[in-house]
């Protein structure tokens, strides 16, 4: 069956079809991205990835996280509602 041979990376992770399967065959996949501005617009830069089971990894090209205010220093406080 051609559908059983189909697989692709969807928004929420790898998608693969299988006979008598109603759940993901290859588990969950998440990518944490940092939104950074540039002269060309916004860039979505991967900073951490997770795939089942318990497999965290930093992308091959280690990317710097840019924090609000265009700084490389992580915030030390916390947001407060007024």
N, C-alpha and C. Protein backbone atom coordinates (compact mmCIF):
# COMPACT_ATOMS: atom_id res chain seq x y z
N UNK A 1 0.84 -1.17 0.00
CA UNK A 1 0.00 0.00 0.00
C UNK A 1 0.89 1.24 0.00
N UNK A 2 0.64 2.15 -0.91
CA UNK A 2 1.45 3.36 -1.03
C UNK A 2 1.35 4.26 0.19
N UNK A 3 0.18 4.31 0.84
CA UNK A 3 0.00 5.15 2.02
C UNK A 3 0.90 4.69 3.17
N UNK A 4 1.11 3.38 3.30
CA UNK A 4 1.98 2.85 4.36
C UNK A 4 3.44 3.26 4.16
N UNK A 5 3.83 3.63 2.95
CA UNK A 5 5.21 4.03 2.66
C UNK A 5 5.42 5.54 2.79
N UNK A 6 4.34 6.28 3.06
CA UNK A 6 4.42 7.73 3.13
C UNK A 6 4.86 8.18 4.52
N UNK A 7 5.82 9.11 4.57
CA UNK A 7 6.20 9.74 5.83
C UNK A 7 6.74 11.13 5.54
N UNK A 8 6.54 12.04 6.48
CA UNK A 8 6.98 13.43 6.31
C UNK A 8 7.02 14.11 7.67
N UNK A 9 7.68 15.26 7.75
CA UNK A 9 7.76 16.03 8.98
C UNK A 9 6.61 17.03 8.99
N UNK A 10 5.65 16.81 9.90
CA UNK A 10 4.51 17.70 10.04
C UNK A 10 4.79 18.79 11.07
N UNK A 11 3.82 19.64 11.32
CA UNK A 11 3.97 20.74 12.28
C UNK A 11 4.29 20.21 13.67
N UNK A 12 3.68 19.10 14.06
CA UNK A 12 3.88 18.57 15.42
C UNK A 12 4.86 17.40 15.47
N UNK A 13 5.56 17.13 14.39
CA UNK A 13 6.56 16.07 14.40
C UNK A 13 6.43 15.15 13.20
N UNK A 14 7.22 14.07 13.20
CA UNK A 14 7.20 13.13 12.08
C UNK A 14 5.84 12.45 11.92
N UNK A 15 5.37 12.34 10.71
CA UNK A 15 4.10 11.68 10.40
C UNK A 15 4.40 10.45 9.56
N UNK A 16 3.86 9.32 9.98
CA UNK A 16 4.04 8.07 9.24
C UNK A 16 2.77 7.25 9.42
N UNK A 17 2.35 6.59 8.39
CA UNK A 17 1.14 5.78 8.43
C UNK A 17 1.51 4.31 8.53
N UNK A 18 0.67 3.54 9.20
CA UNK A 18 0.91 2.11 9.34
C UNK A 18 -0.40 1.36 9.47
N UNK A 19 -0.38 0.11 9.11
CA UNK A 19 -1.56 -0.72 9.18
C UNK A 19 -1.95 -0.94 10.64
N UNK A 20 -3.23 -0.76 10.95
CA UNK A 20 -3.78 -0.95 12.30
C UNK A 20 -3.13 -0.05 13.35
N UNK A 21 -2.65 1.12 12.96
CA UNK A 21 -2.06 2.10 13.89
C UNK A 21 -2.96 3.32 13.93
N UNK A 22 -3.28 3.80 15.13
CA UNK A 22 -4.08 5.02 15.25
C UNK A 22 -3.30 6.12 15.96
N UNK A 23 -2.06 5.86 16.34
CA UNK A 23 -1.24 6.83 17.04
C UNK A 23 0.06 7.03 16.26
N UNK A 24 0.86 7.98 16.71
CA UNK A 24 2.14 8.22 16.04
C UNK A 24 3.02 6.98 16.10
N UNK A 25 3.63 6.66 15.01
CA UNK A 25 4.52 5.50 14.97
C UNK A 25 5.86 5.85 15.58
N UNK A 26 6.34 7.07 15.34
CA UNK A 26 7.69 7.41 15.79
C UNK A 26 7.72 8.39 16.95
N UNK A 27 6.62 8.57 17.68
CA UNK A 27 6.63 9.41 18.88
C UNK A 27 6.53 10.89 18.59
N UNK A 28 6.83 11.68 19.61
CA UNK A 28 6.70 13.13 19.52
C UNK A 28 8.01 13.79 19.11
N UNK A 29 7.88 14.97 18.53
CA UNK A 29 9.04 15.76 18.13
C UNK A 29 8.72 17.23 18.35
N UNK A 30 9.59 17.94 19.05
CA UNK A 30 9.39 19.36 19.31
C UNK A 30 10.67 20.11 18.98
N UNK A 31 10.52 21.33 18.51
CA UNK A 31 11.66 22.19 18.22
C UNK A 31 11.40 23.54 18.87
N UNK A 32 12.31 23.98 19.75
CA UNK A 32 12.18 25.28 20.40
C UNK A 32 12.96 26.28 19.56
N UNK A 33 12.27 27.35 19.19
CA UNK A 33 12.88 28.34 18.30
C UNK A 33 12.88 29.71 18.97
N UNK A 34 13.92 30.47 18.70
CA UNK A 34 14.08 31.84 19.17
C UNK A 34 13.77 32.77 17.99
N UNK A 35 12.87 33.73 18.18
CA UNK A 35 12.52 34.66 17.12
C UNK A 35 13.50 35.83 17.18
N UNK A 36 14.23 36.05 16.09
CA UNK A 36 15.24 37.10 16.03
C UNK A 36 14.97 37.99 14.83
N UNK A 37 15.13 39.29 15.03
CA UNK A 37 14.90 40.21 13.90
C UNK A 37 16.21 40.44 13.14
N UNK A 38 16.07 40.70 11.87
CA UNK A 38 17.22 41.01 11.02
C UNK A 38 16.77 42.04 10.00
N UNK A 39 17.68 42.50 9.18
CA UNK A 39 17.33 43.48 8.15
C UNK A 39 16.35 42.90 7.13
N UNK A 40 16.25 41.57 7.07
CA UNK A 40 15.37 40.90 6.11
C UNK A 40 14.03 40.51 6.72
N UNK A 41 13.81 40.80 8.01
CA UNK A 41 12.57 40.41 8.68
C UNK A 41 12.87 39.55 9.89
N UNK A 42 11.94 38.66 10.23
CA UNK A 42 12.11 37.79 11.39
C UNK A 42 12.73 36.46 11.00
N UNK A 43 13.64 35.97 11.82
CA UNK A 43 14.23 34.64 11.65
C UNK A 43 13.79 33.77 12.82
N UNK A 44 13.47 32.53 12.55
CA UNK A 44 13.11 31.56 13.58
C UNK A 44 14.27 30.58 13.70
N UNK A 45 15.05 30.74 14.79
CA UNK A 45 16.30 30.01 14.95
C UNK A 45 16.12 28.88 15.95
N UNK A 46 16.40 27.63 15.56
CA UNK A 46 16.29 26.48 16.47
C UNK A 46 17.35 26.56 17.55
N UNK A 47 16.93 26.38 18.81
CA UNK A 47 17.89 26.39 19.92
C UNK A 47 17.87 25.07 20.70
N UNK A 48 16.81 24.27 20.57
CA UNK A 48 16.74 22.98 21.25
C UNK A 48 15.71 22.12 20.55
N UNK A 49 15.99 20.82 20.47
CA UNK A 49 15.04 19.89 19.86
C UNK A 49 14.83 18.70 20.79
N UNK A 50 13.63 18.13 20.75
CA UNK A 50 13.30 16.99 21.59
C UNK A 50 12.58 15.96 20.74
N UNK A 51 12.97 14.72 20.89
CA UNK A 51 12.29 13.62 20.21
C UNK A 51 12.17 12.46 21.19
N UNK A 52 11.05 11.78 21.17
CA UNK A 52 10.85 10.63 22.07
C UNK A 52 11.89 9.57 21.81
N UNK A 53 12.24 8.79 22.76
CA UNK A 53 11.98 8.97 24.19
C UNK A 53 13.16 9.68 24.86
N UNK A 54 12.91 10.75 25.56
CA UNK A 54 13.91 11.49 26.35
C UNK A 54 15.16 11.82 25.56
N UNK A 55 15.01 12.33 24.38
CA UNK A 55 16.15 12.63 23.53
C UNK A 55 16.18 14.13 23.24
N UNK A 56 16.90 14.89 24.08
CA UNK A 56 17.10 16.32 23.84
C UNK A 56 18.38 16.48 23.04
N UNK A 57 18.41 17.45 22.14
CA UNK A 57 19.66 17.72 21.44
C UNK A 57 19.71 19.18 21.01
N UNK A 58 20.90 19.71 21.01
CA UNK A 58 21.15 21.06 20.51
C UNK A 58 21.41 20.91 19.01
N UNK A 59 20.83 21.78 18.18
CA UNK A 59 21.08 21.67 16.73
C UNK A 59 22.58 21.69 16.41
N UNK A 60 22.95 21.11 15.27
CA UNK A 60 24.36 21.02 14.88
C UNK A 60 25.05 22.38 14.91
N UNK A 61 24.36 23.40 14.45
CA UNK A 61 24.91 24.76 14.53
C UNK A 61 24.33 25.37 15.80
N UNK A 62 25.17 25.53 16.83
CA UNK A 62 24.70 26.08 18.10
C UNK A 62 24.37 27.56 17.90
N UNK A 63 23.14 27.94 18.19
CA UNK A 63 22.68 29.30 17.96
C UNK A 63 22.57 30.08 19.26
N UNK A 64 22.87 31.36 19.19
CA UNK A 64 22.77 32.25 20.34
C UNK A 64 21.32 32.66 20.53
N UNK A 65 20.86 32.68 21.79
CA UNK A 65 19.51 33.15 22.10
C UNK A 65 19.56 34.66 22.29
N UNK A 66 18.71 35.36 21.55
CA UNK A 66 18.60 36.81 21.69
C UNK A 66 17.34 37.08 22.51
N UNK A 67 17.51 37.77 23.65
CA UNK A 67 16.42 38.04 24.58
C UNK A 67 15.74 39.35 24.24
N UNK A 68 14.51 39.57 24.77
CA UNK A 68 13.82 40.84 24.52
C UNK A 68 14.72 42.03 24.85
N UNK A 69 14.65 43.07 24.03
CA UNK A 69 15.53 44.22 24.17
C UNK A 69 16.80 44.04 23.36
N UNK A 70 16.83 42.97 22.55
CA UNK A 70 17.98 42.65 21.68
C UNK A 70 19.27 42.48 22.48
N UNK A 71 19.17 41.78 23.61
CA UNK A 71 20.32 41.55 24.48
C UNK A 71 20.65 40.06 24.53
N UNK A 72 21.89 39.74 24.85
CA UNK A 72 22.32 38.35 25.00
C UNK A 72 22.27 37.91 26.45
N UNK A 73 21.92 38.83 27.36
CA UNK A 73 21.84 38.52 28.78
C UNK A 73 20.42 38.10 29.14
N UNK A 74 20.24 36.88 29.70
CA UNK A 74 18.89 36.43 30.08
C UNK A 74 18.31 37.34 31.17
N UNK A 75 17.00 37.55 31.16
CA UNK A 75 16.38 38.37 32.19
C UNK A 75 16.55 37.72 33.57
N UNK A 76 16.71 38.54 34.60
CA UNK A 76 16.90 38.00 35.95
C UNK A 76 15.63 38.08 36.78
N UNK A 77 14.72 38.94 36.41
CA UNK A 77 13.48 39.08 37.16
C UNK A 77 12.38 38.27 36.54
N UNK A 78 11.18 38.61 36.89
CA UNK A 78 10.03 37.94 36.28
C UNK A 78 8.99 38.99 35.94
N UNK A 79 8.13 38.67 35.03
CA UNK A 79 7.09 39.61 34.61
C UNK A 79 6.09 39.80 35.74
N UNK A 80 5.58 41.00 35.87
CA UNK A 80 4.55 41.26 36.88
C UNK A 80 3.37 41.93 36.20
N UNK A 81 2.19 41.57 36.65
CA UNK A 81 0.96 42.15 36.11
C UNK A 81 0.58 43.35 36.97
N UNK A 82 0.24 44.45 36.33
CA UNK A 82 -0.16 45.66 37.07
C UNK A 82 -1.56 46.03 36.71
